[in-house]
Structures are given as structure tokens and as C-alpha cells.
Protein backbone atom coordinates (compact mmCIF):
# COMPACT_ATOMS: atom_id res chain seq x y z
CA UNK A 1 26.35 151.57 134.49
CA UNK A 2 28.86 151.53 137.35
CA UNK A 3 26.31 153.10 139.67
CA UNK A 4 23.70 150.47 138.76
CA UNK A 5 26.15 147.63 139.44
CA UNK A 6 27.20 149.21 142.74
CA UNK A 7 23.57 149.48 143.82
CA UNK A 8 22.90 145.85 142.84
CA UNK A 9 25.91 144.72 144.89
CA UNK A 10 24.73 146.74 147.90
CA UNK A 11 21.26 145.18 147.62
CA UNK A 12 22.85 141.71 147.37
CA UNK A 13 25.02 142.50 150.42
CA UNK A 14 22.05 143.60 152.48
CA UNK A 15 19.91 140.60 151.46
CA UNK A 16 22.61 138.09 152.42
CA UNK A 17 24.11 139.81 155.52
CA UNK A 18 27.69 139.60 154.25
CA UNK A 19 30.57 142.03 153.80
CA UNK A 20 31.01 144.20 150.71
CA UNK A 21 34.03 142.30 149.29
CA UNK A 22 32.29 138.97 149.78
CA UNK A 23 29.09 140.32 148.24
CA UNK A 24 31.01 141.65 145.24
CA UNK A 25 32.80 138.34 144.67
CA UNK A 26 29.67 136.19 145.09
CA UNK A 27 27.59 138.55 142.93
CA UNK A 28 30.13 138.28 140.11
CA UNK A 29 30.29 134.48 140.40
CA UNK A 30 26.51 134.09 140.36
CA UNK A 31 26.14 136.54 137.48
CA UNK A 32 28.81 134.71 135.47
CA UNK A 33 27.06 131.38 136.10
CA UNK A 34 23.70 132.82 135.06
CA UNK A 35 25.08 134.32 131.85
CA UNK A 36 26.83 131.06 131.01
CA UNK A 37 23.62 129.09 131.61
CA UNK A 38 21.68 131.45 129.34
CA UNK A 39 24.31 131.13 126.61
CA UNK A 40 24.26 127.31 126.86
CA UNK A 41 20.46 127.27 126.70
CA UNK A 42 20.37 129.57 123.68
CA UNK A 43 22.94 127.36 121.94
CA UNK A 44 20.64 124.37 122.43
CA UNK A 45 22.47 122.74 125.34
CA UNK A 46 21.42 121.66 128.81
CA UNK A 47 22.93 123.80 131.63
CA UNK A 48 22.34 121.08 134.23
CA UNK A 49 24.98 118.96 132.49
CA UNK A 50 27.52 121.77 132.88
CA UNK A 51 26.68 122.96 136.41
CA UNK A 52 26.57 120.34 139.15
CA UNK A 53 24.31 122.29 141.54
């Protein structure tokens, strides 16, 4: 699983032309936001009320 996550971070880094530490931090933040949005949707809520994007 660690290898898969490392490869996903490297792909994210290459797609966004950023450093590894920045890619890792942004990847984690975006993944956390996505998981939270999915959980809110499955619970019957509206993610747009939680995230002001």
C-alpha cells in the first residue's frame, strides 16, 4: 500500500510541477477533502455547505 501511495504522490507531483514535500501535503489535503465529501454525501448531507470552494 505504501508503494501505491508513493506512486500516486509522484504522479501528482509530476502533473502539477511542484516539489515532493508540497505534492505530499497537497495530495493528503485533497484526499482528506474528497473522503470527507463522500462521507457527507453518504450520510445524506450536502458537501457544498461544508466546503466553500
